[in-house]
All heavy atoms as atom14 arrays in JSON, in Angstrom:
{
  "sequence": "KHNGGFQIILATAGEGWYQEEGKPPVKFRAGDMALADGVTYWHGAA",
  "atom14_mask": [
    [1, 1, 1, 1, 1, 1, 1, 1, 1, 0, 0, 0, 0, 0],
    [1, 1, 1, 1, 1, 1, 1, 1, 1, 1, 0, 0, 0, 0],
    [1, 1, 1, 1, 1, 1, 1, 1, 0, 0, 0, 0, 0, 0],
    [1, 1, 1, 1, 0, 0, 0, 0, 0, 0, 0, 0, 0, 0],
    [1, 1, 1, 1, 0, 0, 0, 0, 0, 0, 0, 0, 0, 0],
    [1, 1, 1, 1, 1, 1, 1, 1, 1, 1, 1, 0, 0, 0],
    [1, 1, 1, 1, 1, 1, 1, 1, 1, 0, 0, 0, 0, 0],
    [1, 1, 1, 1, 1, 1, 1, 1, 0, 0, 0, 0, 0, 0],
    [1, 1, 1, 1, 1, 1, 1, 1, 0, 0, 0, 0, 0, 0],
    [1, 1, 1, 1, 1, 1, 1, 1, 0, 0, 0, 0, 0, 0],
    [1, 1, 1, 1, 1, 0, 0, 0, 0, 0, 0, 0, 0, 0],
    [1, 1, 1, 1, 1, 1, 1, 0, 0, 0, 0, 0, 0, 0],
    [1, 1, 1, 1, 1, 0, 0, 0, 0, 0, 0, 0, 0, 0],
    [1, 1, 1, 1, 0, 0, 0, 0, 0, 0, 0, 0, 0, 0],
    [1, 1, 1, 1, 1, 1, 1, 1, 1, 0, 0, 0, 0, 0],
    [1, 1, 1, 1, 0, 0, 0, 0, 0, 0, 0, 0, 0, 0],
    [1, 1, 1, 1, 1, 1, 1, 1, 1, 1, 1, 1, 1, 1],
    [1, 1, 1, 1, 1, 1, 1, 1, 1, 1, 1, 1, 0, 0],
    [1, 1, 1, 1, 1, 1, 1, 1, 1, 0, 0, 0, 0, 0],
    [1, 1, 1, 1, 1, 1, 1, 1, 1, 0, 0, 0, 0, 0],
    [1, 1, 1, 1, 1, 1, 1, 1, 1, 0, 0, 0, 0, 0],
    [1, 1, 1, 1, 0, 0, 0, 0, 0, 0, 0, 0, 0, 0],
    [1, 1, 1, 1, 1, 1, 1, 1, 1, 0, 0, 0, 0, 0],
    [1, 1, 1, 1, 1, 1, 1, 0, 0, 0, 0, 0, 0, 0],
    [1, 1, 1, 1, 1, 1, 1, 0, 0, 0, 0, 0, 0, 0],
    [1, 1, 1, 1, 1, 1, 1, 0, 0, 0, 0, 0, 0, 0],
    [1, 1, 1, 1, 1, 1, 1, 1, 1, 0, 0, 0, 0, 0],
    [1, 1, 1, 1, 1, 1, 1, 1, 1, 1, 1, 0, 0, 0],
    [1, 1, 1, 1, 1, 1, 1, 1, 1, 1, 1, 0, 0, 0],
    [1, 1, 1, 1, 1, 0, 0, 0, 0, 0, 0, 0, 0, 0],
    [1, 1, 1, 1, 0, 0, 0, 0, 0, 0, 0, 0, 0, 0],
    [1, 1, 1, 1, 1, 1, 1, 1, 0, 0, 0, 0, 0, 0],
    [1, 1, 1, 1, 1, 1, 1, 1, 0, 0, 0, 0, 0, 0],
    [1, 1, 1, 1, 1, 0, 0, 0, 0, 0, 0, 0, 0, 0],
    [1, 1, 1, 1, 1, 1, 1, 1, 0, 0, 0, 0, 0, 0],
    [1, 1, 1, 1, 1, 0, 0, 0, 0, 0, 0, 0, 0, 0],
    [1, 1, 1, 1, 1, 1, 1, 1, 0, 0, 0, 0, 0, 0],
    [1, 1, 1, 1, 0, 0, 0, 0, 0, 0, 0, 0, 0, 0],
    [1, 1, 1, 1, 1, 1, 1, 0, 0, 0, 0, 0, 0, 0],
    [1, 1, 1, 1, 1, 1, 1, 0, 0, 0, 0, 0, 0, 0],
    [1, 1, 1, 1, 1, 1, 1, 1, 1, 1, 1, 1, 0, 0],
    [1, 1, 1, 1, 1, 1, 1, 1, 1, 1, 1, 1, 1, 1],
    [1, 1, 1, 1, 1, 1, 1, 1, 1, 1, 0, 0, 0, 0],
    [1, 1, 1, 1, 0, 0, 0, 0, 0, 0, 0, 0, 0, 0],
    [1, 1, 1, 1, 1, 0, 0, 0, 0, 0, 0, 0, 0, 0],
    [1, 1, 1, 1, 1, 0, 0, 0, 0, 0, 0, 0, 0, 0]
  ],
  "atom14_positions": [
    [[-52.46, 21.21, -0.71], [-51.11, 21.59, -0.9], [-50.78, 21.75, -2.4], [-51.44, 21.14, -3.23], [-50.22, 20.62, -0.22], [-50.22, 19.23, -0.71], [-49.28, 18.3, 0.15], [-49.28, 16.98, -0.31], [-48.32, 16.09, 0.44], [0.0, 0.0, 0.0], [0.0, 0.0, 0.0], [0.0, 0.0, 0.0], [0.0, 0.0, 0.0], [0.0, 0.0, 0.0]],
    [[-49.69, 22.38, -2.65], [-49.19, 22.65, -4.04], [-47.9, 21.86, -4.2], [-46.87, 22.08, -3.6], [-49.0, 24.17, -4.24], [-50.3, 24.91, -4.19], [-50.91, 25.24, -5.29], [-51.01, 25.3, -3.14], [-52.02, 25.98, -4.94], [-52.07, 25.99, -3.67], [0.0, 0.0, 0.0], [0.0, 0.0, 0.0], [0.0, 0.0, 0.0], [0.0, 0.0, 0.0]],
    [[-48.05, 20.8, -5.01], [-46.93, 19.95, -5.27], [-46.0, 20.45, -6.48], [-46.63, 20.84, -7.54], [-47.34, 18.52, -5.66], [-47.99, 17.89, -4.49], [-47.52, 17.94, -3.32], [-49.16, 17.28, -4.65], [0.0, 0.0, 0.0], [0.0, 0.0, 0.0], [0.0, 0.0, 0.0], [0.0, 0.0, 0.0], [0.0, 0.0, 0.0], [0.0, 0.0, 0.0]],
    [[-44.74, 20.58, -6.23], [-43.84, 21.03, -7.29], [-44.05, 22.56, -7.53], [-43.87, 23.01, -8.7], [0.0, 0.0, 0.0], [0.0, 0.0, 0.0], [0.0, 0.0, 0.0], [0.0, 0.0, 0.0], [0.0, 0.0, 0.0], [0.0, 0.0, 0.0], [0.0, 0.0, 0.0], [0.0, 0.0, 0.0], [0.0, 0.0, 0.0], [0.0, 0.0, 0.0]],
    [[-44.55, 23.28, -6.53], [-44.95, 24.71, -6.81], [-45.2, 25.34, -5.48], [-44.72, 24.96, -4.43], [0.0, 0.0, 0.0], [0.0, 0.0, 0.0], [0.0, 0.0, 0.0], [0.0, 0.0, 0.0], [0.0, 0.0, 0.0], [0.0, 0.0, 0.0], [0.0, 0.0, 0.0], [0.0, 0.0, 0.0], [0.0, 0.0, 0.0], [0.0, 0.0, 0.0]],
    [[-46.09, 26.32, -5.52], [-46.44, 27.17, -4.42], [-47.71, 27.9, -4.64], [-48.23, 27.9, -5.68], [-45.23, 28.19, -4.11], [-45.12, 29.14, -5.34], [-45.89, 30.24, -5.44], [-44.19, 28.86, -6.34], [-45.66, 31.09, -6.54], [-44.0, 29.66, -7.38], [-44.79, 30.78, -7.49], [0.0, 0.0, 0.0], [0.0, 0.0, 0.0], [0.0, 0.0, 0.0]],
    [[-48.21, 28.61, -3.57], [-49.24, 29.59, -3.77], [-48.95, 30.82, -2.86], [-48.56, 30.65, -1.78], [-50.6, 29.05, -3.33], [-51.8, 30.1, -3.59], [-53.2, 29.58, -3.21], [-53.36, 29.05, -2.2], [-54.04, 29.78, -4.18], [0.0, 0.0, 0.0], [0.0, 0.0, 0.0], [0.0, 0.0, 0.0], [0.0, 0.0, 0.0], [0.0, 0.0, 0.0]],
    [[-49.03, 31.95, -3.55], [-48.96, 33.21, -2.8], [-50.37, 33.73, -2.74], [-51.15, 33.83, -3.8], [-48.05, 34.26, -3.59], [-46.61, 33.67, -3.61], [-48.09, 35.52, -2.84], [-45.7, 34.51, -4.51], [0.0, 0.0, 0.0], [0.0, 0.0, 0.0], [0.0, 0.0, 0.0], [0.0, 0.0, 0.0], [0.0, 0.0, 0.0], [0.0, 0.0, 0.0]],
    [[-50.82, 34.13, -1.54], [-52.21, 34.61, -1.33], [-52.08, 36.07, -0.78], [-51.41, 36.22, 0.16], [-53.01, 33.7, -0.36], [-52.96, 32.3, -0.69], [-54.35, 34.24, -0.23], [-53.45, 31.38, 0.38], [0.0, 0.0, 0.0], [0.0, 0.0, 0.0], [0.0, 0.0, 0.0], [0.0, 0.0, 0.0], [0.0, 0.0, 0.0], [0.0, 0.0, 0.0]],
    [[-52.65, 36.95, -1.54], [-52.7, 38.37, -1.15], [-54.14, 38.73, -0.84], [-54.91, 38.89, -1.77], [-52.12, 39.22, -2.13], [-52.1, 40.81, -1.84], [-51.36, 41.08, -0.6], [-51.46, 41.52, -3.02], [0.0, 0.0, 0.0], [0.0, 0.0, 0.0], [0.0, 0.0, 0.0], [0.0, 0.0, 0.0], [0.0, 0.0, 0.0], [0.0, 0.0, 0.0]],
    [[-54.49, 39.0, 0.4], [-55.82, 39.37, 0.78], [-56.13, 40.8, 0.27], [-55.31, 41.7, 0.51], [-56.11, 39.3, 2.23], [0.0, 0.0, 0.0], [0.0, 0.0, 0.0], [0.0, 0.0, 0.0], [0.0, 0.0, 0.0], [0.0, 0.0, 0.0], [0.0, 0.0, 0.0], [0.0, 0.0, 0.0], [0.0, 0.0, 0.0], [0.0, 0.0, 0.0]],
    [[-57.24, 40.92, -0.44], [-57.52, 42.24, -1.0], [-58.78, 42.96, -0.34], [-58.89, 44.15, -0.45], [-57.8, 42.17, -2.53], [-58.79, 41.2, -2.81], [-56.48, 41.8, -3.21], [0.0, 0.0, 0.0], [0.0, 0.0, 0.0], [0.0, 0.0, 0.0], [0.0, 0.0, 0.0], [0.0, 0.0, 0.0], [0.0, 0.0, 0.0], [0.0, 0.0, 0.0]],
    [[-59.61, 42.19, 0.31], [-60.77, 42.7, 1.05], [-61.34, 41.77, 1.95], [-61.25, 40.5, 1.82], [-61.94, 43.08, -0.03], [0.0, 0.0, 0.0], [0.0, 0.0, 0.0], [0.0, 0.0, 0.0], [0.0, 0.0, 0.0], [0.0, 0.0, 0.0], [0.0, 0.0, 0.0], [0.0, 0.0, 0.0], [0.0, 0.0, 0.0], [0.0, 0.0, 0.0]],
    [[-61.93, 42.22, 3.06], [-62.56, 41.44, 4.12], [-61.61, 40.74, 5.01], [-60.5, 41.17, 5.21], [0.0, 0.0, 0.0], [0.0, 0.0, 0.0], [0.0, 0.0, 0.0], [0.0, 0.0, 0.0], [0.0, 0.0, 0.0], [0.0, 0.0, 0.0], [0.0, 0.0, 0.0], [0.0, 0.0, 0.0], [0.0, 0.0, 0.0], [0.0, 0.0, 0.0]],
    [[-62.17, 39.77, 5.65], [-61.37, 38.99, 6.71], [-61.57, 37.48, 6.62], [-62.73, 37.08, 6.22], [-61.71, 39.46, 8.19], [-61.31, 40.82, 8.5], [-61.64, 41.19, 9.93], [-62.38, 40.39, 10.61], [-61.17, 42.2, 10.38], [0.0, 0.0, 0.0], [0.0, 0.0, 0.0], [0.0, 0.0, 0.0], [0.0, 0.0, 0.0], [0.0, 0.0, 0.0]],
    [[-60.6, 36.78, 7.02], [-60.73, 35.36, 6.93], [-59.64, 34.63, 7.85], [-59.08, 35.26, 8.73], [0.0, 0.0, 0.0], [0.0, 0.0, 0.0], [0.0, 0.0, 0.0], [0.0, 0.0, 0.0], [0.0, 0.0, 0.0], [0.0, 0.0, 0.0], [0.0, 0.0, 0.0], [0.0, 0.0, 0.0], [0.0, 0.0, 0.0], [0.0, 0.0, 0.0]],
    [[-59.37, 33.45, 7.57], [-58.49, 32.56, 8.17], [-57.49, 31.87, 7.25], [-57.88, 31.5, 6.19], [-59.11, 31.6, 9.02], [-59.95, 32.19, 10.12], [-61.31, 32.51, 10.12], [-59.48, 32.65, 11.35], [-61.63, 33.09, 11.22], [-60.6, 33.21, 12.06], [-58.24, 32.68, 12.05], [-60.47, 33.77, 13.33], [-58.15, 33.29, 13.26], [-59.31, 33.8, 13.9]],
    [[-56.35, 31.67, 7.7], [-55.26, 30.85, 6.96], [-54.7, 29.87, 8.07], [-54.31, 30.31, 9.18], [-54.19, 31.78, 6.44], [-52.94, 31.0, 5.89], [-52.97, 30.62, 4.55], [-51.88, 30.66, 6.67], [-51.9, 29.99, 4.01], [-50.83, 29.99, 6.08], [-50.8, 29.66, 4.81], [-49.75, 28.96, 4.27], [0.0, 0.0, 0.0], [0.0, 0.0, 0.0]],
    [[-54.6, 28.59, 7.8], [-53.97, 27.68, 8.76], [-53.2, 26.62, 8.04], [-53.69, 25.93, 7.15], [-55.06, 26.98, 9.63], [-54.56, 26.15, 10.62], [-55.56, 25.55, 11.54], [-56.74, 25.43, 11.23], [-55.12, 25.09, 12.73], [0.0, 0.0, 0.0], [0.0, 0.0, 0.0], [0.0, 0.0, 0.0], [0.0, 0.0, 0.0], [0.0, 0.0, 0.0]],
    [[-51.91, 26.48, 8.43], [-51.12, 25.37, 8.04], [-51.28, 24.19, 8.95], [-51.51, 24.4, 10.19], [-49.63, 25.82, 7.94], [-49.38, 26.88, 6.95], [-47.87, 27.29, 6.85], [-47.01, 26.67, 7.53], [-47.6, 28.19, 6.13], [0.0, 0.0, 0.0], [0.0, 0.0, 0.0], [0.0, 0.0, 0.0], [0.0, 0.0, 0.0], [0.0, 0.0, 0.0]],
    [[-51.22, 23.01, 8.41], [-51.37, 21.88, 9.25], [-50.31, 21.83, 10.41], [-49.15, 22.07, 10.3], [-51.16, 20.58, 8.42], [-51.4, 19.2, 9.12], [-51.29, 18.11, 8.09], [-50.29, 18.0, 7.41], [-52.18, 17.3, 8.12], [0.0, 0.0, 0.0], [0.0, 0.0, 0.0], [0.0, 0.0, 0.0], [0.0, 0.0, 0.0], [0.0, 0.0, 0.0]],
    [[-50.88, 21.58, 11.6], [-50.02, 21.52, 12.84], [-49.69, 22.84, 13.4], [-49.0, 22.89, 14.42], [0.0, 0.0, 0.0], [0.0, 0.0, 0.0], [0.0, 0.0, 0.0], [0.0, 0.0, 0.0], [0.0, 0.0, 0.0], [0.0, 0.0, 0.0], [0.0, 0.0, 0.0], [0.0, 0.0, 0.0], [0.0, 0.0, 0.0], [0.0, 0.0, 0.0]],
    [[-50.21, 23.97, 12.85], [-49.97, 25.26, 13.4], [-51.29, 25.96, 13.76], [-52.33, 25.61, 13.24], [-49.22, 26.14, 12.41], [-47.83, 25.59, 12.1], [-47.11, 26.6, 11.17], [-45.68, 26.11, 10.85], [-45.01, 27.06, 10.01], [0.0, 0.0, 0.0], [0.0, 0.0, 0.0], [0.0, 0.0, 0.0], [0.0, 0.0, 0.0], [0.0, 0.0, 0.0]],
    [[-51.26, 26.9, 14.62], [-52.42, 27.65, 14.91], [-52.93, 28.53, 13.76], [-52.23, 28.89, 12.94], [-52.12, 28.54, 16.16], [-50.58, 28.64, 16.16], [-50.08, 27.48, 15.36], [0.0, 0.0, 0.0], [0.0, 0.0, 0.0], [0.0, 0.0, 0.0], [0.0, 0.0, 0.0], [0.0, 0.0, 0.0], [0.0, 0.0, 0.0], [0.0, 0.0, 0.0]],
    [[-54.31, 28.71, 13.67], [-54.88, 29.52, 12.58], [-54.42, 31.02, 12.75], [-54.07, 31.47, 13.84], [-56.35, 29.46, 12.76], [-56.48, 29.11, 14.26], [-55.33, 28.29, 14.62], [0.0, 0.0, 0.0], [0.0, 0.0, 0.0], [0.0, 0.0, 0.0], [0.0, 0.0, 0.0], [0.0, 0.0, 0.0], [0.0, 0.0, 0.0], [0.0, 0.0, 0.0]],
    [[-54.32, 31.75, 11.61], [-53.86, 33.07, 11.55], [-55.06, 33.93, 10.87], [-55.59, 33.48, 9.87], [-52.67, 33.27, 10.73], [-52.19, 34.7, 10.55], [-51.5, 32.42, 11.29], [0.0, 0.0, 0.0], [0.0, 0.0, 0.0], [0.0, 0.0, 0.0], [0.0, 0.0, 0.0], [0.0, 0.0, 0.0], [0.0, 0.0, 0.0], [0.0, 0.0, 0.0]],
    [[-55.45, 34.96, 11.65], [-56.47, 35.88, 11.08], [-55.83, 36.48, 9.82], [-54.66, 36.88, 9.81], [-56.76, 36.97, 12.07], [-58.0, 37.79, 11.6], [-59.22, 37.05, 11.87], [-60.44, 37.95, 11.87], [-61.69, 37.28, 12.01], [0.0, 0.0, 0.0], [0.0, 0.0, 0.0], [0.0, 0.0, 0.0], [0.0, 0.0, 0.0], [0.0, 0.0, 0.0]],
    [[-56.58, 36.55, 8.74], [-56.2, 37.0, 7.43], [-57.09, 38.21, 6.93], [-58.28, 38.02, 6.81], [-56.31, 35.87, 6.46], [-55.53, 35.86, 5.29], [-54.12, 36.0, 5.28], [-56.02, 35.73, 4.06], [-53.35, 36.0, 4.16], [-55.32, 35.71, 2.87], [-53.94, 35.81, 2.96], [0.0, 0.0, 0.0], [0.0, 0.0, 0.0], [0.0, 0.0, 0.0]],
    [[-56.46, 39.4, 6.87], [-57.12, 40.61, 6.53], [-56.64, 41.26, 5.31], [-55.44, 40.95, 4.85], [-57.01, 41.59, 7.61], [-57.59, 41.13, 8.92], [-57.42, 42.19, 10.07], [-58.05, 41.8, 11.35], [-57.41, 41.14, 12.26], [-56.19, 40.79, 12.16], [-58.09, 40.9, 13.41], [0.0, 0.0, 0.0], [0.0, 0.0, 0.0], [0.0, 0.0, 0.0]],
    [[-57.3, 42.19, 4.71], [-56.86, 42.89, 3.48], [-55.52, 43.4, 3.69], [-55.26, 44.07, 4.73], [-57.89, 44.01, 3.16], [0.0, 0.0, 0.0], [0.0, 0.0, 0.0], [0.0, 0.0, 0.0], [0.0, 0.0, 0.0], [0.0, 0.0, 0.0], [0.0, 0.0, 0.0], [0.0, 0.0, 0.0], [0.0, 0.0, 0.0], [0.0, 0.0, 0.0]],
    [[-54.62, 43.23, 2.78], [-53.18, 43.62, 2.95], [-52.3, 42.56, 3.33], [-51.1, 42.7, 3.18], [0.0, 0.0, 0.0], [0.0, 0.0, 0.0], [0.0, 0.0, 0.0], [0.0, 0.0, 0.0], [0.0, 0.0, 0.0], [0.0, 0.0, 0.0], [0.0, 0.0, 0.0], [0.0, 0.0, 0.0], [0.0, 0.0, 0.0], [0.0, 0.0, 0.0]],
    [[-52.82, 41.48, 3.96], [-52.0, 40.36, 4.46], [-51.56, 39.47, 3.23], [-52.3, 39.35, 2.28], [-52.68, 39.48, 5.47], [-52.91, 40.3, 6.82], [-52.29, 41.31, 7.1], [-53.73, 39.79, 7.66], [0.0, 0.0, 0.0], [0.0, 0.0, 0.0], [0.0, 0.0, 0.0], [0.0, 0.0, 0.0], [0.0, 0.0, 0.0], [0.0, 0.0, 0.0]],
    [[-50.43, 38.79, 3.44], [-49.92, 37.89, 2.44], [-49.52, 36.59, 3.09], [-49.08, 36.54, 4.24], [-48.77, 38.52, 1.71], [-48.33, 37.86, 0.48], [-46.98, 36.61, 0.5], [-45.75, 37.27, 1.58], [0.0, 0.0, 0.0], [0.0, 0.0, 0.0], [0.0, 0.0, 0.0], [0.0, 0.0, 0.0], [0.0, 0.0, 0.0], [0.0, 0.0, 0.0]],
    [[-49.77, 35.51, 2.45], [-49.37, 34.19, 2.85], [-48.59, 33.44, 1.77], [-49.0, 33.69, 0.66], [-50.46, 33.4, 3.35], [0.0, 0.0, 0.0], [0.0, 0.0, 0.0], [0.0, 0.0, 0.0], [0.0, 0.0, 0.0], [0.0, 0.0, 0.0], [0.0, 0.0, 0.0], [0.0, 0.0, 0.0], [0.0, 0.0, 0.0], [0.0, 0.0, 0.0]],
    [[-47.57, 32.68, 2.03], [-46.9, 31.88, 1.09], [-46.98, 30.42, 1.57], [-46.47, 30.17, 2.58], [-45.43, 32.37, 1.01], [-44.56, 31.38, 0.13], [-45.04, 31.36, -1.3], [-43.03, 31.96, 0.17], [0.0, 0.0, 0.0], [0.0, 0.0, 0.0], [0.0, 0.0, 0.0], [0.0, 0.0, 0.0], [0.0, 0.0, 0.0], [0.0, 0.0, 0.0]],
    [[-47.57, 29.61, 0.73], [-47.68, 28.21, 0.97], [-46.8, 27.49, 0.08], [-47.03, 27.48, -1.18], [-49.16, 27.69, 0.82], [0.0, 0.0, 0.0], [0.0, 0.0, 0.0], [0.0, 0.0, 0.0], [0.0, 0.0, 0.0], [0.0, 0.0, 0.0], [0.0, 0.0, 0.0], [0.0, 0.0, 0.0], [0.0, 0.0, 0.0], [0.0, 0.0, 0.0]],
    [[-45.69, 26.95, 0.55], [-44.69, 26.28, -0.36], [-44.42, 24.89, 0.25], [-43.7, 24.76, 1.27], [-43.44, 27.07, -0.33], [-42.34, 26.56, -1.26], [-42.66, 25.62, -1.98], [-41.25, 27.15, -1.31], [0.0, 0.0, 0.0], [0.0, 0.0, 0.0], [0.0, 0.0, 0.0], [0.0, 0.0, 0.0], [0.0, 0.0, 0.0], [0.0, 0.0, 0.0]],
    [[-45.11, 23.94, -0.26], [-44.91, 22.53, 0.13], [-45.54, 22.09, 1.45], [-45.23, 21.12, 2.01], [0.0, 0.0, 0.0], [0.0, 0.0, 0.0], [0.0, 0.0, 0.0], [0.0, 0.0, 0.0], [0.0, 0.0, 0.0], [0.0, 0.0, 0.0], [0.0, 0.0, 0.0], [0.0, 0.0, 0.0], [0.0, 0.0, 0.0], [0.0, 0.0, 0.0]],
    [[-46.53, 23.0, 1.86], [-47.23, 22.67, 3.21], [-48.69, 22.3, 2.84], [-49.27, 22.79, 1.84], [-47.1, 23.82, 4.17], [-45.7, 24.12, 4.59], [-47.72, 25.12, 3.63], [0.0, 0.0, 0.0], [0.0, 0.0, 0.0], [0.0, 0.0, 0.0], [0.0, 0.0, 0.0], [0.0, 0.0, 0.0], [0.0, 0.0, 0.0], [0.0, 0.0, 0.0]],
    [[-49.29, 21.64, 3.83], [-50.81, 21.43, 3.76], [-51.46, 22.48, 4.5], [-51.06, 22.84, 5.68], [-51.12, 20.0, 4.38], [-50.45, 18.98, 3.57], [-52.59, 19.64, 4.37], [0.0, 0.0, 0.0], [0.0, 0.0, 0.0], [0.0, 0.0, 0.0], [0.0, 0.0, 0.0], [0.0, 0.0, 0.0], [0.0, 0.0, 0.0], [0.0, 0.0, 0.0]],
    [[-52.41, 23.11, 3.96], [-53.17, 24.27, 4.57], [-54.55, 24.41, 4.02], [-54.99, 23.78, 3.09], [-52.35, 25.53, 4.35], [-52.32, 25.95, 2.91], [-53.05, 27.05, 2.52], [-51.54, 25.36, 1.97], [-53.02, 27.55, 1.18], [-51.56, 25.79, 0.65], [-52.38, 26.79, 0.31], [-52.38, 27.2, -1.0], [0.0, 0.0, 0.0], [0.0, 0.0, 0.0]],
    [[-55.31, 25.37, 4.62], [-56.56, 25.78, 4.08], [-56.7, 27.23, 4.36], [-55.95, 27.8, 5.16], [-57.73, 24.99, 4.67], [-57.99, 25.3, 6.22], [-57.45, 24.69, 7.28], [-58.79, 26.37, 6.72], [-57.83, 25.27, 8.43], [-58.72, 26.28, 8.12], [-59.63, 27.29, 6.15], [-59.42, 27.13, 8.94], [-60.34, 28.19, 7.05], [-60.27, 28.05, 8.37]],
    [[-57.63, 27.89, 3.74], [-57.95, 29.39, 3.92], [-59.42, 29.54, 3.54], [-60.06, 28.83, 2.81], [-57.02, 30.22, 3.14], [-56.82, 29.95, 1.77], [-57.51, 30.55, 0.75], [-56.04, 29.03, 1.19], [-57.11, 30.09, -0.39], [-56.26, 29.16, -0.25], [0.0, 0.0, 0.0], [0.0, 0.0, 0.0], [0.0, 0.0, 0.0], [0.0, 0.0, 0.0]],
    [[-60.03, 30.64, 4.07], [-61.36, 30.94, 3.83], [-61.88, 32.15, 4.57], [-61.09, 32.76, 5.31], [0.0, 0.0, 0.0], [0.0, 0.0, 0.0], [0.0, 0.0, 0.0], [0.0, 0.0, 0.0], [0.0, 0.0, 0.0], [0.0, 0.0, 0.0], [0.0, 0.0, 0.0], [0.0, 0.0, 0.0], [0.0, 0.0, 0.0], [0.0, 0.0, 0.0]],
    [[-63.12, 32.51, 4.4], [-63.66, 33.67, 5.0], [-64.03, 33.48, 6.49], [-64.28, 32.37, 6.88], [-64.95, 34.09, 4.24], [0.0, 0.0, 0.0], [0.0, 0.0, 0.0], [0.0, 0.0, 0.0], [0.0, 0.0, 0.0], [0.0, 0.0, 0.0], [0.0, 0.0, 0.0], [0.0, 0.0, 0.0], [0.0, 0.0, 0.0], [0.0, 0.0, 0.0]],
    [[-64.04, 34.58, 7.2], [-64.62, 34.51, 8.59], [-66.11, 34.31, 8.5], [-66.66, 34.44, 7.43], [-64.28, 35.91, 9.27], [0.0, 0.0, 0.0], [0.0, 0.0, 0.0], [0.0, 0.0, 0.0], [0.0, 0.0, 0.0], [0.0, 0.0, 0.0], [0.0, 0.0, 0.0], [0.0, 0.0, 0.0], [0.0, 0.0, 0.0], [0.0, 0.0, 0.0]]
  ]
}
């Protein structure tokens, strides 16, 4: 998680996953964007 801040993730190529704690995973593809602001999460490649 990002304390006192945030992370904006903009997928530029390929496919992967993004998941916030306690929520279902989301497929993450080129052109997708995620904003993690004070949440626990992970992301990575398929």
